[in-house]
Amino acid sequence: MFNFLKKNQDHKPSVEEPKAPIAAETVSTERPSWLQRLSQGLSKTRRQFTSGLTQLFSTSAKLDEETLETLETHLLAADVGIEASTKIIDTLKEAAKQKKLATGEALQAELQAIMVNILSARQQPLNIPDADTPFVLLMIGMNGAGKTTTIGKLAKRFKAEGKSVMLAAGDTFRAAAVEQLTAWGQRNDIPVIAQQQGADSASVIFDAFQAAKARHIDILIADTAGRLHTQQGLMAELTKIKRVIQKIDVNAPHETLLVLDASIGQNALQQAKQFHAAMGVTGIVMTKLDGTAKGGMLLSIAQTLEIPIRFIGVGEHIDDMQPFNAEAVVNAIFAESPQHELIT
């Protein structure tokens, strides 16, 4: 459930109270911009990553092995991962050979540029073309990663863009999963196709696909039960879903979105590898970046897997999930403001 902001109903200013505080109270209820929320959300990652590096960036000391080891330690502590950390250190060494890093300021600028370069390779927005058949978006991931909440946010977003949307309650295993998705649908006036708990997930999604096609729906978002990547039986169920809906459209699902919880660190990378091997993941949603110091996982995922990062989430509010933007993320980690606002 979202924690929507509400005005304080208990505050009743006295007659003598001047108008200025009332105006200030009104302003205080305004939500920060997305970039401000992103910076706030990545504050734990920023502290983990930049702690101890301030002096390094503010001096003109030579980039020696000790400095590189210190930097690598901070990269690994922020869950940047071995592959991405090695890439960053090797690139910095090359820049040092070319005498590009004479100052700490130059080192920081080069480090940020390398990080943006790594992440930009995975900055590919989700493109939903106009078509006669529904665009099927299959949501997969582990329990607790935030799949159902992500579905609600995406549905709201697509509807605001003028698309017709339908939801398929394919998580027939978890208690109250159907009710939760139905509540999302009712709140946003979006139809939900569901069956009783314990029903065959593939059958539910197949029926929803047929219904979406009959009603000329633009986008069908299908929920699935959360599962560990090590649970072979449940992973096989996902491949069954894929086979069944391909009886209607051989190209379905048109997007397979893997929802990952940033707080689990390098375990998320292993999840992504296994889900990708089983399902051919076409996009990643990284959630809960606001609750962890492991935001460096984005760099680990970007360097290790050739899978686009579609969206990132830094809170529970409907607009706390936005399309991934590499420059904005790196600037937020270093507590800087990008030169442009994101297009959302």
Protein backbone atom coordinates (compact mmCIF):
# COMPACT_ATOMS: atom_id res chain seq x y z
CA MET A 1 0.00 0.00 0.00
CA PHE A 2 1.23 3.46 -0.72
CA ASN A 3 1.73 5.99 2.02
CA PHE A 4 0.03 8.93 0.38
CA LEU A 5 0.85 12.33 1.85
CA LYS A 6 -2.00 13.92 3.76
CA LYS A 7 -2.50 17.34 5.25
CA ASN A 8 -2.54 17.40 9.03
CA GLN A 9 -6.21 17.53 9.91
CA ASP A 10 -5.54 18.24 13.60
CA HIS A 11 -3.74 21.56 13.11
CA LYS A 12 -6.08 24.46 13.81
CA PRO A 13 -4.25 27.82 13.81
CA SER A 14 -5.41 30.38 16.35
CA VAL A 15 -6.91 33.70 15.36
CA GLU A 16 -3.72 35.52 16.34
CA GLU A 17 -1.49 33.26 14.24
CA PRO A 18 -0.03 35.18 11.28
CA LYS A 19 -0.61 34.03 7.74
CA ALA A 20 3.03 33.36 6.92
CA PRO A 21 3.26 30.05 8.86
CA ILE A 22 0.07 28.83 7.17
CA ALA A 23 1.58 29.46 3.75
CA ALA A 24 4.78 27.71 4.82
CA GLU A 25 2.78 24.69 6.01
CA THR A 26 1.09 24.44 2.62
CA VAL A 27 4.44 24.48 0.83
CA SER A 28 5.84 21.78 3.13
CA THR A 29 3.27 19.26 1.90
CA GLU A 30 4.62 19.38 -1.64
CA ARG A 31 6.52 16.28 -2.72
CA PRO A 32 10.18 16.66 -3.70
CA SER A 33 11.04 16.22 -7.37
CA TRP A 34 12.04 12.80 -8.68
CA LEU A 35 15.71 13.79 -8.71
CA GLN A 36 15.51 14.93 -5.11
CA ARG A 37 13.81 11.68 -4.09
CA LEU A 38 16.43 9.72 -6.02
CA SER A 39 19.22 11.51 -4.16
CA GLN A 40 17.48 10.88 -0.84
CA GLY A 41 16.82 7.26 -1.77
CA LEU A 42 20.46 6.60 -2.60
CA SER A 43 21.75 8.32 0.55
CA LYS A 44 22.75 5.04 2.23
CA THR A 45 24.63 3.93 -0.88
CA ARG A 46 26.26 7.36 -1.09
CA ARG A 47 27.47 7.17 2.52
CA GLN A 48 28.79 3.65 2.00
CA PHE A 49 30.52 4.53 -1.24
CA THR A 50 31.95 7.98 -0.55
CA SER A 51 32.81 7.51 3.14
CA GLY A 52 36.57 7.88 3.40
CA LEU A 53 36.94 9.05 -0.21
CA THR A 54 36.35 12.75 0.42
CA GLN A 55 40.00 13.37 1.27
CA LEU A 56 41.09 11.32 -1.73
CA PHE A 57 39.00 13.44 -4.10
CA SER A 58 40.08 16.73 -2.53
CA THR A 59 43.84 16.20 -2.72
CA SER A 60 46.31 16.05 -5.54
CA ALA A 61 47.99 12.86 -4.32
CA LYS A 62 49.37 10.44 -6.90
CA LEU A 63 47.07 7.59 -7.93
CA ASP A 64 49.21 4.80 -6.48
CA GLU A 65 48.40 1.19 -5.64
CA GLU A 66 47.33 2.07 -2.10
CA THR A 67 44.84 4.63 -3.41
CA LEU A 68 43.47 2.15 -5.92
CA GLU A 69 43.09 -0.52 -3.23
CA THR A 70 41.18 1.94 -1.05
CA LEU A 71 38.89 2.80 -3.91
CA GLU A 72 38.33 -0.86 -4.79
CA THR A 73 37.45 -1.64 -1.18
CA HIS A 74 34.74 1.02 -1.21
CA LEU A 75 33.40 -0.22 -4.54
CA LEU A 76 33.08 -3.77 -3.24
CA ALA A 77 31.52 -2.58 0.04
CA ALA A 78 28.81 -0.85 -1.99
CA ASP A 79 28.15 -4.15 -3.84
CA VAL A 80 29.53 -2.91 -7.13
CA GLY A 81 30.82 -6.45 -7.62
CA ILE A 82 34.15 -7.86 -8.79
CA GLU A 83 33.62 -7.50 -12.54
CA ALA A 84 32.47 -3.87 -12.43
CA SER A 85 35.09 -2.94 -9.80
CA THR A 86 37.86 -4.47 -11.92
CA LYS A 87 36.58 -2.59 -14.95
CA ILE A 88 36.61 0.69 -13.04
CA ILE A 89 40.09 0.21 -11.55
CA ASP A 90 41.63 -0.89 -14.86
CA THR A 91 40.15 2.12 -16.66
CA LEU A 92 41.46 4.47 -13.96
CA LYS A 93 44.93 2.95 -14.29
CA GLU A 94 44.87 3.61 -18.02
CA ALA A 95 43.75 7.19 -17.46
CA ALA A 96 46.58 7.65 -14.94
CA LYS A 97 49.11 6.44 -17.51
CA GLN A 98 47.85 9.12 -19.85
CA LYS A 99 48.33 11.68 -17.05
CA LYS A 100 44.65 12.56 -16.94
CA LEU A 101 44.39 12.27 -13.14
CA ALA A 102 46.70 14.95 -11.78
CA THR A 103 44.21 16.02 -9.08
CA GLY A 104 41.66 14.45 -6.80
CA GLU A 105 38.98 16.42 -8.63
CA ALA A 106 40.06 14.87 -11.93
CA LEU A 107 39.95 11.42 -10.30
CA GLN A 108 36.38 11.92 -9.14
CA ALA A 109 35.29 13.22 -12.55
CA GLU A 110 36.89 10.23 -14.28
CA LEU A 111 35.34 7.79 -11.82
CA GLN A 112 31.89 9.24 -12.40
CA ALA A 113 32.36 9.12 -16.17
CA ILE A 114 33.32 5.43 -16.01
CA MET A 115 30.30 4.59 -13.88
CA VAL A 116 27.97 6.47 -16.25
CA ASN A 117 29.52 4.61 -19.18
CA ILE A 118 28.91 1.20 -17.55
CA LEU A 119 25.32 2.01 -16.64
CA SER A 120 24.44 3.76 -19.90
CA ALA A 121 24.93 0.51 -21.79
CA ARG A 122 21.82 -0.83 -19.98
CA GLN A 123 19.74 2.35 -20.18
CA GLN A 124 17.05 1.21 -22.58
CA PRO A 125 13.48 2.38 -21.87
CA LEU A 126 10.61 -0.04 -22.26
CA ASN A 127 9.08 0.51 -25.67
CA ILE A 128 5.51 -0.69 -26.20
CA PRO A 129 4.60 -0.46 -29.87
CA ASP A 130 1.10 0.10 -31.19
CA ALA A 131 -0.25 -3.27 -32.31
CA ASP A 132 -3.49 -5.14 -32.96
CA THR A 133 -2.68 -7.73 -30.31
CA PRO A 134 -2.13 -7.05 -26.58
CA PHE A 135 1.43 -6.43 -25.42
CA VAL A 136 2.03 -9.11 -22.77
CA LEU A 137 4.29 -8.11 -19.90
CA LEU A 138 5.20 -11.07 -17.67
CA MET A 139 6.40 -10.19 -14.16
CA ILE A 140 8.76 -12.62 -12.44
CA GLY A 141 10.99 -12.61 -9.36
CA MET A 142 11.51 -13.77 -5.82
CA ASN A 143 9.07 -13.44 -2.93
CA GLY A 144 9.21 -10.02 -1.33
CA ALA A 145 10.94 -8.27 -4.22
CA GLY A 146 7.90 -6.07 -4.83
CA LYS A 147 6.32 -7.60 -7.94
CA THR A 148 2.71 -6.79 -7.11
CA THR A 149 3.50 -3.22 -6.09
CA THR A 150 5.53 -2.78 -9.26
CA ILE A 151 2.59 -4.07 -11.31
CA GLY A 152 0.32 -1.47 -9.73
CA LYS A 153 2.78 1.34 -10.46
CA LEU A 154 3.29 0.23 -14.05
CA ALA A 155 -0.44 -0.15 -14.65
CA LYS A 156 -1.06 3.36 -13.35
CA ARG A 157 1.77 4.71 -15.50
CA PHE A 158 0.59 3.03 -18.70
CA LYS A 159 -2.98 4.16 -18.15
CA ALA A 160 -1.80 7.74 -17.65
CA GLU A 161 -0.05 7.43 -21.02
CA GLY A 162 -3.38 6.62 -22.65
CA LYS A 163 -3.02 2.85 -22.87
CA SER A 164 -5.75 0.39 -21.93
CA VAL A 165 -4.49 -2.11 -19.36
CA MET A 166 -5.58 -5.46 -17.95
CA LEU A 167 -4.06 -7.44 -15.07
CA ALA A 168 -3.75 -11.21 -14.75
CA ALA A 169 -3.61 -12.58 -11.20
CA GLY A 170 -1.16 -15.37 -11.98
CA ASP A 171 0.15 -15.59 -8.42
CA THR A 172 -2.31 -18.23 -7.26
CA PHE A 173 -0.01 -19.56 -4.56
CA ARG A 174 0.52 -16.74 -2.07
CA ALA A 175 -2.32 -16.04 0.31
CA ALA A 176 -4.16 -12.81 -0.50
CA ALA A 177 -2.12 -12.24 -3.69
CA VAL A 178 -5.27 -12.23 -5.82
CA GLU A 179 -7.01 -9.85 -3.44
CA GLN A 180 -4.02 -7.52 -3.44
CA LEU A 181 -3.90 -7.35 -7.23
CA THR A 182 -7.67 -6.94 -7.42
CA ALA A 183 -7.45 -4.00 -5.03
CA TRP A 184 -4.90 -2.38 -7.33
CA GLY A 185 -7.23 -2.86 -10.27
CA GLN A 186 -10.25 -1.42 -8.47
CA ARG A 187 -8.26 1.60 -7.27
CA ASN A 188 -7.18 2.45 -10.82
CA ASP A 189 -10.30 1.24 -12.67
CA ILE A 190 -8.35 -1.53 -14.41
CA PRO A 191 -9.89 -4.98 -15.08
CA VAL A 192 -8.34 -7.99 -13.36
CA ILE A 193 -8.69 -11.60 -14.52
CA ALA A 194 -8.42 -14.00 -11.58
CA GLN A 195 -9.36 -17.46 -10.35
CA GLN A 196 -9.38 -19.06 -6.92
CA GLN A 197 -6.22 -19.60 -4.90
CA GLY A 198 -4.40 -22.73 -6.01
CA ALA A 199 -5.57 -22.53 -9.63
CA ASP A 200 -3.13 -23.27 -12.42
CA SER A 201 -1.16 -20.08 -13.05
CA ALA A 202 -0.65 -20.77 -16.74
CA SER A 203 -4.40 -21.26 -17.18
CA VAL A 204 -5.19 -17.95 -15.47
CA ILE A 205 -2.77 -16.02 -17.67
CA PHE A 206 -3.96 -17.84 -20.81
CA ASP A 207 -7.57 -16.86 -20.03
CA ALA A 208 -6.50 -13.29 -19.34
CA PHE A 209 -4.66 -13.11 -22.66
CA GLN A 210 -7.75 -14.30 -24.51
CA ALA A 211 -9.91 -11.77 -22.66
CA ALA A 212 -7.46 -8.95 -23.37
CA LYS A 213 -7.41 -9.85 -27.04
CA ALA A 214 -11.21 -9.97 -27.25
CA ARG A 215 -11.53 -6.57 -25.56
CA HIS A 216 -8.74 -5.00 -27.68
CA ILE A 217 -6.66 -4.21 -24.60
CA ASP A 218 -3.29 -2.58 -25.28
CA ILE A 219 -1.27 -4.07 -22.41
CA LEU A 220 -1.71 -7.22 -20.31
CA ILE A 221 0.44 -7.35 -17.17
CA ALA A 222 0.66 -10.87 -15.75
CA ASP A 223 1.66 -11.50 -12.14
CA THR A 224 3.36 -14.76 -11.14
CA ALA A 225 4.13 -16.40 -7.81
CA GLY A 226 7.40 -15.42 -6.20
CA ARG A 227 10.03 -18.13 -6.26
CA LEU A 228 13.66 -18.72 -5.51
CA HIS A 229 15.90 -19.22 -8.52
CA THR A 230 16.98 -22.53 -6.97
CA GLN A 231 13.45 -23.99 -6.92
CA GLN A 232 13.56 -26.01 -10.12
CA GLY A 233 9.90 -27.05 -10.02
CA LEU A 234 8.66 -23.49 -9.73
CA MET A 235 11.11 -22.29 -12.36
CA ALA A 236 9.70 -24.97 -14.68
CA GLU A 237 6.24 -23.52 -14.03
CA LEU A 238 7.42 -20.23 -15.54
CA THR A 239 8.51 -21.95 -18.73
CA LYS A 240 5.10 -23.64 -18.84
CA ILE A 241 3.40 -20.22 -18.67
CA LYS A 242 5.53 -19.10 -21.58
CA ARG A 243 4.63 -22.17 -23.68
CA VAL A 244 0.92 -21.84 -22.95
CA ILE A 245 0.55 -18.16 -23.89
CA GLN A 246 2.59 -18.74 -27.04
CA LYS A 247 -0.34 -20.82 -28.28
CA ILE A 248 -2.10 -17.47 -28.72
CA ASP A 249 0.91 -15.42 -29.84
CA VAL A 250 4.26 -17.04 -30.63
CA ASN A 251 6.02 -13.79 -29.68
CA ALA A 252 4.52 -13.66 -26.19
CA PRO A 253 5.48 -12.64 -23.61
CA HIS A 254 6.67 -9.52 -25.37
CA GLU A 255 8.51 -8.37 -22.24
CA THR A 256 9.68 -10.50 -19.31
CA LEU A 257 10.45 -8.15 -16.43
CA LEU A 258 12.52 -9.47 -13.54
CA VAL A 259 11.90 -7.58 -10.29
CA LEU A 260 14.98 -7.54 -8.04
CA ASP A 261 15.31 -6.35 -4.44
CA ALA A 262 18.45 -4.18 -4.21
CA SER A 263 18.84 -4.89 -0.50
CA ILE A 264 19.94 -8.50 -1.09
CA GLY A 265 23.13 -7.37 -2.81
CA GLN A 266 25.09 -9.88 -4.87
CA ASN A 267 22.39 -12.52 -4.39
CA ALA A 268 20.32 -10.45 -6.82
CA LEU A 269 22.95 -11.05 -9.49
CA GLN A 270 22.73 -14.81 -9.02
CA GLN A 271 18.93 -14.60 -9.19
CA ALA A 272 19.12 -12.65 -12.42
CA LYS A 273 21.45 -15.19 -14.01
CA GLN A 274 19.18 -18.13 -13.19
CA PHE A 275 15.93 -16.41 -14.17
CA HIS A 276 17.53 -15.24 -17.40
CA ALA A 277 18.72 -18.76 -18.23
CA ALA A 278 15.21 -20.13 -17.69
CA MET A 279 13.08 -17.37 -19.20
CA GLY A 280 15.18 -15.04 -21.31
CA VAL A 281 14.68 -11.91 -19.18
CA THR A 282 14.26 -8.82 -21.34
CA GLY A 283 14.24 -6.16 -18.63
CA ILE A 284 15.03 -5.55 -14.95
CA VAL A 285 13.24 -3.49 -12.31
CA MET A 286 15.43 -2.73 -9.29
CA THR A 287 13.32 -1.97 -6.22
CA LYS A 288 14.01 -0.81 -2.65
CA LEU A 289 17.10 1.23 -3.47
CA ASP A 290 16.05 3.63 -0.71
CA GLY A 291 16.40 1.03 2.04
CA THR A 292 19.92 -0.22 1.39
CA ALA A 293 23.56 0.77 1.06
CA LYS A 294 23.92 -1.76 -1.76
CA GLY A 295 22.87 0.46 -4.66
CA GLY A 296 26.14 -0.44 -6.36
CA MET A 297 24.27 -3.57 -7.45
CA LEU A 298 23.13 -1.56 -10.46
CA LEU A 299 26.73 -1.41 -11.67
CA SER A 300 27.23 -5.11 -10.97
CA ILE A 301 24.12 -6.04 -12.96
CA ALA A 302 25.01 -3.65 -15.79
CA GLN A 303 28.57 -4.91 -16.15
CA THR A 304 27.78 -8.62 -15.80
CA LEU A 305 24.50 -9.07 -17.67
CA GLU A 306 23.42 -7.76 -21.05
CA ILE A 307 19.90 -7.04 -19.84
CA PRO A 308 18.33 -3.56 -19.94
CA ILE A 309 17.49 -1.94 -16.61
CA ARG A 310 14.01 -0.58 -17.31
CA PHE A 311 12.94 0.99 -13.99
CA ILE A 312 14.27 1.71 -10.51
CA GLY A 313 12.32 2.30 -7.30
CA VAL A 314 13.19 4.44 -4.29
CA GLY A 315 9.96 4.37 -2.30
CA GLU A 316 6.36 3.23 -2.02
CA HIS A 317 4.60 6.20 -3.61
CA ILE A 318 3.13 5.75 -7.09
CA ASP A 319 5.77 7.99 -8.69
CA ASP A 320 8.72 6.64 -6.70
CA MET A 321 9.44 4.23 -9.56
CA GLN A 322 10.78 5.83 -12.73
CA PRO A 323 12.65 4.82 -15.90
CA PHE A 324 16.31 4.13 -15.26
CA ASN A 325 18.68 6.99 -16.07
CA ALA A 326 22.42 6.30 -15.71
CA GLU A 327 23.58 9.91 -15.31
CA ALA A 328 20.94 10.70 -12.69
CA VAL A 329 21.88 7.64 -10.61
CA VAL A 330 25.62 8.41 -10.64
CA ASN A 331 25.02 12.08 -9.84
CA ALA A 332 22.77 11.04 -6.94
CA ILE A 333 25.47 8.74 -5.55
CA PHE A 334 27.90 11.66 -5.60
CA ALA A 335 25.22 14.08 -4.33
CA GLU A 336 25.19 16.22 -7.43
CA SER A 337 22.30 17.49 -9.53
CA PRO A 338 22.08 16.51 -13.21
CA GLN A 339 21.97 19.31 -15.76
CA HIS A 340 18.54 18.21 -16.97
CA GLU A 341 15.34 16.82 -15.52
CA LEU A 342 14.38 13.28 -16.45
CA ILE A 343 11.66 12.75 -19.04
CA THR A 344 9.04 10.59 -17.36
